[in-house]
C-alpha cells in the first residue's frame, strides 16, 4: 500500500500530466523549470565558467571544497537546466558533504551529439583542479546525473578513459538512460507503471534529436554498448516501476562482468527520478542520503 506521501506525489504528477498540452520545445523547457523545487537558504549558489562551459557551484556550510561532484542533469538531452536541479544538488552536497558543480551543458537539437559529452569532459577536467574557492587540487572527484544525465555520467567515464583523463573516485547514475535504441524489456513491461516517464515514443524523439546522424550504439551515446573495463566504483539507483529499469539492470550486469565495483539499488514502488521529490517524499530523501553515504565511504 503506497504511503500517503507517495500517493500525494503520484496525484501531483497525474495533475501536471493532465494539464500539459505543450508541444513546442521552448515552452516545454520553461514548464520544466516552473515545476522545480527551489533550494533552501542553506545553499550557496555560485556561477562559474567551468573550462568554457557555464555552471554553478552548489554548496552548504559543511561542504568540503576538496570533495567535488560534477552533476549533469536529465531531460532527454533536449531540456533541463541547472535551475531545475539546484535542490537535488543541495541535497547531495548536504548528504555527501561535497561541493557540487551543477553543469549547464549544451542541449540538442541545437547542439547534437557529442556536444553534451564534450561539455561534461570539460566539467570533469575543471573540478579536478578547481573548487568553489578557486584553483586547488581535489581530494576526491565524483560524477553524477539522472535519466539522460545518468547515461551521460557513464558515457563521460568512457570518454574520459579514452582521452586519458584521470579516473574519478566514483560515479552515481540515477534512473540512467543507457540505451538510446530502447531495447530493454522494461520499456514495454513497465509501460503502465511509471507515472512520470510513460511513453517510449518520447524517448525515441529525444534520441533522434540528440543523435543526429550518429548510431544509437555509439558507447558515448549508449554506454551500455561500451567496453566497461576499468571504470571506477558505481552506484546505480533505479525505481522498480520505471520503463528504464532494464537500462540499469543490464548495465550493472555488464559492468560486474567487466570487473567493475557496482552497487545496484532497485527501489520498490519508485518511479523515474523520484529523487526530485525529496522535499515531500521520504523515499526520495532516503535515496539522496544513501548517495551521500556512498560518496563518504569512497572519499575517505
C-alpha atoms as a PDB file:
ATOM      1  CA  UNK A   1       0.000   0.000   0.000  1.00  0.00           C
ATOM      2  CA  UNK A   2       1.573   3.331  -1.035  1.00  0.00           C
ATOM      3  CA  UNK A   3       2.347   5.773   1.753  1.00  0.00           C
ATOM      4  CA  UNK A   4       0.283   8.984   1.996  1.00  0.00           C
ATOM      5  CA  UNK A   5       3.333  10.924   0.816  1.00  0.00           C
ATOM      6  CA  UNK A   6       3.744   8.693  -2.228  1.00  0.00           C
ATOM      7  CA  UNK A   7       0.037   8.994  -3.017  1.00  0.00           C
ATOM      8  CA  UNK A   8       0.411  12.776  -2.815  1.00  0.00           C
ATOM      9  CA  UNK A   9       3.322  12.770  -5.256  1.00  0.00           C
ATOM     10  CA  UNK A  10       1.561  10.422  -7.696  1.00  0.00           C
ATOM     11  CA  UNK A  11      -1.508  12.676  -7.629  1.00  0.00           C
ATOM     12  CA  UNK A  12       0.676  15.722  -8.277  1.00  0.00           C
ATOM     13  CA  UNK A  13       2.342  14.016 -11.252  1.00  0.00           C
ATOM     14  CA  UNK A  14      -1.049  12.989 -12.684  1.00  0.00           C
ATOM     15  CA  UNK A  15      -2.424  16.512 -12.320  1.00  0.00           C
ATOM     16  CA  UNK A  16       0.589  18.004 -14.069  1.00  0.00           C
ATOM     17  CA  UNK A  17       0.346  15.497 -16.925  1.00  0.00           C
ATOM     18  CA  UNK A  18      -3.371  16.177 -17.394  1.00  0.00           C
ATOM     19  CA  UNK A  19      -2.828  19.933 -17.593  1.00  0.00           C
ATOM     20  CA  UNK A  20       0.031  19.924 -20.102  1.00  0.00           C
ATOM     21  CA  UNK A  21      -0.809  20.401 -23.779  1.00  0.00           C
ATOM     22  CA  UNK A  22       2.517  21.965 -24.807  1.00  0.00           C
ATOM     23  CA  UNK A  23       4.360  20.725 -27.889  1.00  0.00           C
ATOM     24  CA  UNK A  24       6.922  23.492 -28.539  1.00  0.00           C
ATOM     25  CA  UNK A  25      10.341  22.640 -27.113  1.00  0.00           C
ATOM     26  CA  UNK A  26      10.970  26.145 -25.773  1.00  0.00           C
ATOM     27  CA  UNK A  27       7.699  26.009 -23.853  1.00  0.00           C
ATOM     28  CA  UNK A  28       8.500  22.532 -22.539  1.00  0.00           C
ATOM     29  CA  UNK A  29      11.828  23.787 -21.238  1.00  0.00           C
ATOM     30  CA  UNK A  30      10.167  26.712 -19.476  1.00  0.00           C
ATOM     31  CA  UNK A  31       7.470  24.475 -17.998  1.00  0.00           C
ATOM     32  CA  UNK A  32      10.055  22.075 -16.602  1.00  0.00           C
ATOM     33  CA  UNK A  33      11.784  24.959 -14.830  1.00  0.00           C
ATOM     34  CA  UNK A  34       8.497  26.159 -13.368  1.00  0.00           C
ATOM     35  CA  UNK A  35       7.996  22.822 -11.582  1.00  0.00           C
ATOM     36  CA  UNK A  36      11.371  22.877  -9.818  1.00  0.00           C
ATOM     37  CA  UNK A  37      11.711  22.897  -6.047  1.00  0.00           C
ATOM     38  CA  UNK A  38      13.887  25.901  -5.123  1.00  0.00           C
ATOM     39  CA  UNK A  39      16.993  25.484  -2.967  1.00  0.00           C
ATOM     40  CA  UNK A  40      16.785  26.348   0.701  1.00  0.00           C
ATOM     41  CA  UNK A  41      18.511  29.262   2.386  1.00  0.00           C
ATOM     42  CA  UNK A  42      21.247  26.841   3.471  1.00  0.00           C
ATOM     43  CA  UNK A  43      22.547  26.553  -0.097  1.00  0.00           C
ATOM     44  CA  UNK A  44      25.050  28.890  -1.699  1.00  0.00           C
ATOM     45  CA  UNK A  45      24.794  29.139  -5.491  1.00  0.00           C
ATOM     46  CA  UNK A  46      27.905  30.484  -7.206  1.00  0.00           C
ATOM     47  CA  UNK A  47      28.032  30.865 -11.027  1.00  0.00           C
ATOM     48  CA  UNK A  48      31.239  29.607 -12.624  1.00  0.00           C
ATOM     49  CA  UNK A  49      32.843  29.171 -16.032  1.00  0.00           C
ATOM     50  CA  UNK A  50      33.922  25.525 -15.982  1.00  0.00           C
ATOM     51  CA  UNK A  51      36.526  25.328 -18.714  1.00  0.00           C
ATOM     52  CA  UNK A  52      34.297  27.164 -21.146  1.00  0.00           C
ATOM     53  CA  UNK A  53      31.013  25.568 -20.009  1.00  0.00           C
ATOM     54  CA  UNK A  54      28.669  27.557 -17.774  1.00  0.00           C
ATOM     55  CA  UNK A  55      27.644  26.083 -14.481  1.00  0.00           C
ATOM     56  CA  UNK A  56      27.246  26.849 -10.811  1.00  0.00           C
ATOM     57  CA  UNK A  57      28.721  25.600  -7.588  1.00  0.00           C
ATOM     58  CA  UNK A  58      26.095  24.400  -5.130  1.00  0.00           C
ATOM     59  CA  UNK A  59      27.474  24.235  -1.607  1.00  0.00           C
ATOM     60  CA  UNK A  60      26.372  24.309   2.001  1.00  0.00           C
ATOM     61  CA  UNK A  61      28.370  25.340   5.072  1.00  0.00           C
ATOM     62  CA  UNK A  62      29.502  21.737   5.651  1.00  0.00           C
ATOM     63  CA  UNK A  63      30.712  21.137   2.081  1.00  0.00           C
ATOM     64  CA  UNK A  64      34.324  20.002   1.840  1.00  0.00           C
ATOM     65  CA  UNK A  65      35.697  22.153  -1.019  1.00  0.00           C
ATOM     66  CA  UNK A  66      38.147  19.390  -1.953  1.00  0.00           C
ATOM     67  CA  UNK A  67      35.424  16.728  -2.213  1.00  0.00           C
ATOM     68  CA  UNK A  68      33.787  17.568  -5.526  1.00  0.00           C
ATOM     69  CA  UNK A  69      30.954  16.204  -7.619  1.00  0.00           C
ATOM     70  CA  UNK A  70      30.053  17.050 -11.204  1.00  0.00           C
ATOM     71  CA  UNK A  71      26.275  16.878 -11.716  1.00  0.00           C
ATOM     72  CA  UNK A  72      24.867  16.514 -15.248  1.00  0.00           C
ATOM     73  CA  UNK A  73      21.112  16.903 -15.318  1.00  0.00           C
ATOM     74  CA  UNK A  74      18.436  14.870 -17.049  1.00  0.00           C
ATOM     75  CA  UNK A  75      15.909  15.915 -19.668  1.00  0.00           C
ATOM     76  CA  UNK A  76      16.483  13.621 -22.627  1.00  0.00           C
ATOM     77  CA  UNK A  77      19.418  15.762 -23.822  1.00  0.00           C
ATOM     78  CA  UNK A  78      16.844  18.277 -25.105  1.00  0.00           C
ATOM     79  CA  UNK A  79      15.656  20.073 -21.966  1.00  0.00           C
ATOM     80  CA  UNK A  80      16.606  20.631 -18.347  1.00  0.00           C
ATOM     81  CA  UNK A  81      18.850  23.194 -16.712  1.00  0.00           C
ATOM     82  CA  UNK A  82      20.857  23.763 -13.520  1.00  0.00           C
ATOM     83  CA  UNK A  83      17.949  25.781 -12.117  1.00  0.00           C
ATOM     84  CA  UNK A  84      15.764  22.668 -12.007  1.00  0.00           C
ATOM     85  CA  UNK A  85      18.397  20.661 -10.143  1.00  0.00           C
ATOM     86  CA  UNK A  86      19.565  23.131  -7.517  1.00  0.00           C
ATOM     87  CA  UNK A  87      17.504  21.495  -4.755  1.00  0.00           C
ATOM     88  CA  UNK A  88      18.723  17.986  -5.617  1.00  0.00           C
ATOM     89  CA  UNK A  89      22.312  19.218  -5.857  1.00  0.00           C
ATOM     90  CA  UNK A  90      21.884  20.860  -2.465  1.00  0.00           C
ATOM     91  CA  UNK A  91      20.661  17.551  -1.068  1.00  0.00           C
ATOM     92  CA  UNK A  92      23.692  15.721  -2.439  1.00  0.00           C
ATOM     93  CA  UNK A  93      26.020  18.460  -1.163  1.00  0.00           C
ATOM     94  CA  UNK A  94      24.484  18.037   2.283  1.00  0.00           C
ATOM     95  CA  UNK A  95      24.376  14.238   2.425  1.00  0.00           C
ATOM     96  CA  UNK A  96      27.828  13.798   0.860  1.00  0.00           C
ATOM     97  CA  UNK A  97      29.446  16.884   2.444  1.00  0.00           C
ATOM     98  CA  UNK A  98      30.738  17.810  -1.008  1.00  0.00           C
ATOM     99  CA  UNK A  99      30.803  20.760  -3.389  1.00  0.00           C
ATOM    100  CA  UNK A 100      28.576  20.136  -6.405  1.00  0.00           C
ATOM    101  CA  UNK A 101      29.229  21.632  -9.846  1.00  0.00           C
ATOM    102  CA  UNK A 102      25.792  21.832 -11.467  1.00  0.00           C
ATOM    103  CA  UNK A 103      26.727  21.908 -15.166  1.00  0.00           C
ATOM    104  CA  UNK A 104      24.780  23.751 -17.875  1.00  0.00           C
ATOM    105  CA  UNK A 105      25.843  21.551 -20.791  1.00  0.00           C
ATOM    106  CA  UNK A 106      24.626  22.227 -24.319  1.00  0.00           C
ATOM    107  CA  UNK A 107      21.293  20.748 -25.398  1.00  0.00           C
ATOM    108  CA  UNK A 108      20.022  19.171 -28.601  1.00  0.00           C
ATOM    109  CA  UNK A 109      18.761  19.675 -31.220  1.00  0.00           C
ATOM    110  CA  UNK A 110      20.716  22.947 -31.276  1.00  0.00           C
ATOM    111  CA  UNK A 111      23.840  21.072 -30.177  1.00  0.00           C
ATOM    112  CA  UNK A 112      23.612  17.354 -31.045  1.00  0.00           C
ATOM    113  CA  UNK A 113      25.900  14.503 -30.014  1.00  0.00           C
ATOM    114  CA  UNK A 114      28.644  14.621 -28.851  1.00  0.00           C
ATOM    115  CA  UNK A 115      28.262  18.182 -27.508  1.00  0.00           C
ATOM    116  CA  UNK A 116      26.939  17.036 -24.119  1.00  0.00           C
ATOM    117  CA  UNK A 117      29.827  14.586 -23.679  1.00  0.00           C
ATOM    118  CA  UNK A 118      32.414  17.177 -24.660  1.00  0.00           C
ATOM    119  CA  UNK A 119      30.960  19.649 -22.151  1.00  0.00           C
ATOM    120  CA  UNK A 120      30.859  17.030 -19.402  1.00  0.00           C
ATOM    121  CA  UNK A 121      34.518  16.209 -20.043  1.00  0.00           C
ATOM    122  CA  UNK A 122      35.372  19.893 -19.643  1.00  0.00           C
ATOM    123  CA  UNK A 123      33.442  19.977 -16.384  1.00  0.00           C
ATOM    124  CA  UNK A 124      35.198  16.863 -15.109  1.00  0.00           C
ATOM    125  CA  UNK A 125      38.604  18.266 -16.025  1.00  0.00           C
ATOM    126  CA  UNK A 126      37.706  21.561 -14.349  1.00  0.00           C
ATOM    127  CA  UNK A 127      36.760  20.108 -10.959  1.00  0.00           C
ATOM    128  CA  UNK A 128      39.941  18.050 -10.794  1.00  0.00           C
ATOM    129  CA  UNK A 129      41.888  21.284 -10.234  1.00  0.00           C
ATOM    130  CA  UNK A 130      39.243  23.900  -9.337  1.00  0.00           C
ATOM    131  CA  UNK A 131      36.903  24.129  -6.388  1.00  0.00           C
ATOM    132  CA  UNK A 132      34.320  26.652  -5.219  1.00  0.00           C
ATOM    133  CA  UNK A 133      37.122  28.751  -3.714  1.00  0.00           C
ATOM    134  CA  UNK A 134      39.376  28.777  -6.754  1.00  0.00           C
ATOM    135  CA  UNK A 135      42.251  26.734  -8.133  1.00  0.00           C
ATOM    136  CA  UNK A 136      43.208  23.842  -5.869  1.00  0.00           C
ATOM    137  CA  UNK A 137      43.543  20.094  -6.387  1.00  0.00           C
ATOM    138  CA  UNK A 138      40.665  17.826  -5.398  1.00  0.00           C
ATOM    139  CA  UNK A 139      40.952  15.061  -2.820  1.00  0.00           C
ATOM    140  CA  UNK A 140      38.016  13.144  -4.344  1.00  0.00           C
ATOM    141  CA  UNK A 141      36.049  13.620  -7.561  1.00  0.00           C
ATOM    142  CA  UNK A 142      32.666  12.138  -8.425  1.00  0.00           C
ATOM    143  CA  UNK A 143      30.306  12.358 -11.405  1.00  0.00           C
ATOM    144  CA  UNK A 144      26.538  12.001 -11.070  1.00  0.00           C
ATOM    145  CA  UNK A 145      23.405  12.509 -13.107  1.00  0.00           C
ATOM    146  CA  UNK A 146      19.823  11.379 -13.655  1.00  0.00           C
ATOM    147  CA  UNK A 147      17.958   9.948 -16.646  1.00  0.00           C
ATOM    148  CA  UNK A 148      19.798  11.198 -19.753  1.00  0.00           C
ATOM    149  CA  UNK A 149      22.251  12.728 -17.293  1.00  0.00           C
ATOM    150  CA  UNK A 150      22.727   9.294 -15.778  1.00  0.00           C
ATOM    151  CA  UNK A 151      23.621   7.936 -19.194  1.00  0.00           C
ATOM    152  CA  UNK A 152      25.814  10.995 -19.766  1.00  0.00           C
ATOM    153  CA  UNK A 153      27.571  10.288 -16.460  1.00  0.00           C
ATOM    154  CA  UNK A 154      28.507   6.804 -17.622  1.00  0.00           C
ATOM    155  CA  UNK A 155      29.381   7.976 -21.136  1.00  0.00           C
ATOM    156  CA  UNK A 156      31.656  10.606 -19.626  1.00  0.00           C
ATOM    157  CA  UNK A 157      33.562   7.885 -17.788  1.00  0.00           C
ATOM    158  CA  UNK A 158      34.106   6.028 -21.061  1.00  0.00           C
ATOM    159  CA  UNK A 159      35.142   9.189 -22.889  1.00  0.00           C
ATOM    160  CA  UNK A 160      37.496  10.238 -20.073  1.00  0.00           C
ATOM    161  CA  UNK A 161      39.182   6.835 -20.180  1.00  0.00           C
ATOM    162  CA  UNK A 162      39.578   7.111 -23.957  1.00  0.00           C
ATOM    163  CA  UNK A 163      41.036  10.621 -23.630  1.00  0.00           C
ATOM    164  CA  UNK A 164      43.473   9.520 -20.916  1.00  0.00           C
ATOM    165  CA  UNK A 165      41.954  11.765 -18.241  1.00  0.00           C
ATOM    166  CA  UNK A 166      42.277  10.904 -14.536  1.00  0.00           C
ATOM    167  CA  UNK A 167      39.732   8.340 -13.354  1.00  0.00           C
ATOM    168  CA  UNK A 168      37.142   9.808 -10.968  1.00  0.00           C
ATOM    169  CA  UNK A 169      36.785   8.388  -7.477  1.00  0.00           C
ATOM    170  CA  UNK A 170      33.324   7.102  -8.355  1.00  0.00           C
ATOM    171  CA  UNK A 171      30.085   7.810 -10.203  1.00  0.00           C
ATOM    172  CA  UNK A 172      26.364   7.796  -9.409  1.00  0.00           C
ATOM    173  CA  UNK A 173      23.719   7.180 -12.069  1.00  0.00           C
ATOM    174  CA  UNK A 174      20.063   7.758 -11.171  1.00  0.00           C
ATOM    175  CA  UNK A 175      17.387   6.192 -13.418  1.00  0.00           C
ATOM    176  CA  UNK A 176      20.015   6.145 -16.162  1.00  0.00           C
ATOM    177  CA  UNK A 177      19.178   6.106 -19.860  1.00  0.00           C
ATOM    178  CA  UNK A 178      21.972   3.818 -21.044  1.00  0.00           C
ATOM    179  CA  UNK A 179      20.493   2.512 -24.313  1.00  0.00           C
ATOM    180  CA  UNK A 180      19.133   5.062 -26.773  1.00  0.00           C
ATOM    181  CA  UNK A 181      17.945   2.219 -29.029  1.00  0.00           C
ATOM    182  CA  UNK A 182      15.293   1.304 -26.407  1.00  0.00           C
ATOM    183  CA  UNK A 183      15.886  -2.454 -26.444  1.00  0.00           C
ATOM    184  CA  UNK A 184      15.209  -3.206 -22.773  1.00  0.00           C
ATOM    185  CA  UNK A 185      12.162  -5.319 -21.934  1.00  0.00           C
ATOM    186  CA  UNK A 186      11.027  -2.861 -19.256  1.00  0.00           C
ATOM    187  CA  UNK A 187      10.246  -0.307 -21.976  1.00  0.00           C
ATOM    188  CA  UNK A 188       7.169  -2.488 -22.520  1.00  0.00           C
ATOM    189  CA  UNK A 189       6.687  -4.370 -19.249  1.00  0.00           C
ATOM    190  CA  UNK A 190       6.689  -1.160 -17.164  1.00  0.00           C
ATOM    191  CA  UNK A 191       4.810   0.983 -19.701  1.00  0.00           C
ATOM    192  CA  UNK A 192       1.734   1.212 -17.468  1.00  0.00           C
ATOM    193  CA  UNK A 193       3.501   1.539 -14.129  1.00  0.00           C
ATOM    194  CA  UNK A 194       5.838   4.526 -14.432  1.00  0.00           C
ATOM    195  CA  UNK A 195       3.744   7.680 -13.905  1.00  0.00           C
ATOM    196  CA  UNK A 196       6.486  10.114 -14.852  1.00  0.00           C
ATOM    197  CA  UNK A 197       8.164   8.665 -17.941  1.00  0.00           C
ATOM    198  CA  UNK A 198       5.347   6.805 -19.634  1.00  0.00           C
ATOM    199  CA  UNK A 199       5.946   6.800 -23.364  1.00  0.00           C
ATOM    200  CA  UNK A 200       8.839   5.225 -25.269  1.00  0.00           C
ATOM    201  CA  UNK A 201       7.936   7.487 -28.192  1.00  0.00           C
ATOM    202  CA  UNK A 202       9.083  10.466 -26.110  1.00  0.00           C
ATOM    203  CA  UNK A 203      12.467   8.796 -25.712  1.00  0.00           C
ATOM    204  CA  UNK A 204      12.588   7.978 -29.424  1.00  0.00           C
ATOM    205  CA  UNK A 205      12.057  11.631 -30.303  1.00  0.00           C
ATOM    206  CA  UNK A 206      14.682  12.811 -27.824  1.00  0.00           C
ATOM    207  CA  UNK A 207      17.164  10.226 -29.104  1.00  0.00           C
ATOM    208  CA  UNK A 208      16.649  11.344 -32.708  1.00  0.00           C
ATOM    209  CA  UNK A 209      17.157  14.990 -31.745  1.00  0.00           C
ATOM    210  CA  UNK A 210      20.337  14.209 -29.836  1.00  0.00           C
ATOM    211  CA  UNK A 211      21.929  11.636 -32.122  1.00  0.00           C
ATOM    212  CA  UNK A 212      21.527  13.361 -35.480  1.00  0.00           C
ATOM    213  CA  UNK A 213      23.355  11.046 -37.894  1.00  0.00           C
ATOM    214  CA  UNK A 214      25.103   9.098 -35.124  1.00  0.00           C
ATOM    215  CA  UNK A 215      24.170   5.464 -34.426  1.00  0.00           C
ATOM    216  CA  UNK A 216      22.469   4.824 -31.074  1.00  0.00           C
ATOM    217  CA  UNK A 217      25.028   2.072 -30.481  1.00  0.00           C
ATOM    218  CA  UNK A 218      27.890   4.540 -30.039  1.00  0.00           C
ATOM    219  CA  UNK A 219      29.134   3.998 -26.445  1.00  0.00           C
ATOM    220  CA  UNK A 220      29.327   7.742 -25.777  1.00  0.00           C
ATOM    221  CA  UNK A 221      25.592   7.910 -26.540  1.00  0.00           C
ATOM    222  CA  UNK A 222      24.553   4.499 -25.203  1.00  0.00           C
ATOM    223  CA  UNK A 223      27.158   3.455 -22.622  1.00  0.00           C
ATOM    224  CA  UNK A 224      25.505   0.043 -22.347  1.00  0.00           C
ATOM    225  CA  UNK A 225      27.288  -0.793 -25.614  1.00  0.00           C
ATOM    226  CA  UNK A 226      30.741   0.271 -24.411  1.00  0.00           C
ATOM    227  CA  UNK A 227      33.739  -1.600 -23.028  1.00  0.00           C
ATOM    228  CA  UNK A 228      33.215  -1.083 -19.293  1.00  0.00           C
ATOM    229  CA  UNK A 229      36.518  -2.454 -18.024  1.00  0.00           C
ATOM    230  CA  UNK A 230      38.431  -0.087 -15.777  1.00  0.00           C
ATOM    231  CA  UNK A 231      35.533   2.122 -14.744  1.00  0.00           C
ATOM    232  CA  UNK A 232      35.542   3.461 -11.168  1.00  0.00           C
ATOM    233  CA  UNK A 233      33.084   2.260  -8.497  1.00  0.00           C
ATOM    234  CA  UNK A 234      29.458   2.871  -9.446  1.00  0.00           C
ATOM    235  CA  UNK A 235      26.247   3.489  -7.532  1.00  0.00           C
ATOM    236  CA  UNK A 236      23.233   2.788  -9.754  1.00  0.00           C
ATOM    237  CA  UNK A 237      19.786   3.665  -8.406  1.00  0.00           C
ATOM    238  CA  UNK A 238      16.557   2.924 -10.268  1.00  0.00           C
ATOM    239  CA  UNK A 239      12.881   2.503  -9.418  1.00  0.00           C
ATOM    240  CA  UNK A 240      11.099  -0.807  -9.912  1.00  0.00           C
ATOM    241  CA  UNK A 241       8.258   0.983 -11.764  1.00  0.00           C
ATOM    242  CA  UNK A 242      10.496   2.551 -14.417  1.00  0.00           C
ATOM    243  CA  UNK A 243      10.414   1.875 -18.130  1.00  0.00           C
ATOM    244  CA  UNK A 244      14.202   2.386 -17.927  1.00  0.00           C
ATOM    245  CA  UNK A 245      14.624  -0.290 -15.262  1.00  0.00           C
ATOM    246  CA  UNK A 246      16.426  -2.640 -17.660  1.00  0.00           C
ATOM    247  CA  UNK A 247      18.782   0.138 -18.749  1.00  0.00           C
ATOM    248  CA  UNK A 248      20.231  -0.026 -15.238  1.00  0.00           C
ATOM    249  CA  UNK A 249      19.933  -3.776 -14.747  1.00  0.00           C
ATOM    250  CA  UNK A 250      21.732  -4.613 -17.979  1.00  0.00           C
ATOM    251  CA  UNK A 251      24.430  -2.008 -17.456  1.00  0.00           C
ATOM    252  CA  UNK A 252      25.044  -3.218 -13.898  1.00  0.00           C
ATOM    253  CA  UNK A 253      25.382  -6.829 -15.031  1.00  0.00           C
ATOM    254  CA  UNK A 254      27.769  -5.932 -17.843  1.00  0.00           C
ATOM    255  CA  UNK A 255      29.872  -3.735 -15.569  1.00  0.00           C
ATOM    256  CA  UNK A 256      30.202  -6.501 -12.992  1.00  0.00           C
ATOM    257  CA  UNK A 257      31.293  -8.920 -15.708  1.00  0.00           C
ATOM    258  CA  UNK A 258      33.993  -6.389 -16.631  1.00  0.00           C
ATOM    259  CA  UNK A 259      35.275  -6.342 -13.053  1.00  0.00           C
ATOM    260  CA  UNK A 260      33.763  -3.008 -12.008  1.00  0.00           C
ATOM    261  CA  UNK A 261      32.612  -2.466  -8.418  1.00  0.00           C
ATOM    262  CA  UNK A 262      28.863  -1.933  -8.757  1.00  0.00           C
ATOM    263  CA  UNK A 263      26.289  -1.081  -6.117  1.00  0.00           C
ATOM    264  CA  UNK A 264      22.902  -1.616  -7.763  1.00  0.00           C
ATOM    265  CA  UNK A 265      19.780  -0.450  -5.938  1.00  0.00           C
ATOM    266  CA  UNK A 266      16.288  -1.155  -7.275  1.00  0.00           C
ATOM    267  CA  UNK A 267      13.845   0.816  -5.142  1.00  0.00           C
ATOM    268  CA  UNK A 268      10.378  -0.778  -4.726  1.00  0.00           C
ATOM    269  CA  UNK A 269       7.393   1.272  -5.926  1.00  0.00           C
ATOM    270  CA  UNK A 270       9.604   4.130  -7.117  1.00  0.00           C
ATOM    271  CA  UNK A 271       9.258   5.887 -10.460  1.00  0.00           C
ATOM    272  CA  UNK A 272      11.580   7.782 -12.792  1.00  0.00           C
ATOM    273  CA  UNK A 273      13.967  10.076 -10.863  1.00  0.00           C
ATOM    274  CA  UNK A 274      11.869  10.080  -7.705  1.00  0.00           C
ATOM    275  CA  UNK A 275      14.782  11.947  -6.083  1.00  0.00           C
ATOM    276  CA  UNK A 276      13.372  15.203  -7.491  1.00  0.00           C
ATOM    277  CA  UNK A 277      10.587  14.991  -4.915  1.00  0.00           C
ATOM    278  CA  UNK A 278      12.882  14.743  -1.865  1.00  0.00           C
ATOM    279  CA  UNK A 279      11.269  17.812  -0.222  1.00  0.00           C
ATOM    280  CA  UNK A 280       7.957  15.949   0.087  1.00  0.00           C
ATOM    281  CA  UNK A 281       8.719  12.217  -0.425  1.00  0.00           C
ATOM    282  CA  UNK A 282      10.572  10.262   2.305  1.00  0.00           C
ATOM    283  CA  UNK A 283      11.811   7.588  -0.121  1.00  0.00           C
ATOM    284  CA  UNK A 284      13.405  10.300  -2.235  1.00  0.00           C
ATOM    285  CA  UNK A 285      15.152  11.806   0.762  1.00  0.00           C
ATOM    286  CA  UNK A 286      16.367   8.341   1.757  1.00  0.00           C
ATOM    287  CA  UNK A 287      17.794   7.791  -1.722  1.00  0.00           C
ATOM    288  CA  UNK A 288      19.658  11.117  -1.596  1.00  0.00           C
ATOM    289  CA  UNK A 289      21.014  10.255   1.843  1.00  0.00           C
ATOM    290  CA  UNK A 290      22.156   6.905   0.501  1.00  0.00           C
ATOM    291  CA  UNK A 291      24.071   8.712  -2.242  1.00  0.00           C
ATOM    292  CA  UNK A 292      25.787  10.786   0.421  1.00  0.00           C
ATOM    293  CA  UNK A 293      26.739   7.717   2.422  1.00  0.00           C
ATOM    294  CA  UNK A 294      28.201   6.079  -0.679  1.00  0.00           C
ATOM    295  CA  UNK A 295      30.202   9.203  -1.500  1.00  0.00           C
ATOM    296  CA  UNK A 296      31.529   9.452   2.042  1.00  0.00           C
ATOM    297  CA  UNK A 297      32.573   5.795   2.105  1.00  0.00           C
ATOM    298  CA  UNK A 298      34.702   6.271  -1.010  1.00  0.00           C
ATOM    299  CA  UNK A 299      36.079   9.713  -0.249  1.00  0.00           C
ATOM    300  CA  UNK A 300      37.889   8.623   2.907  1.00  0.00           C
END
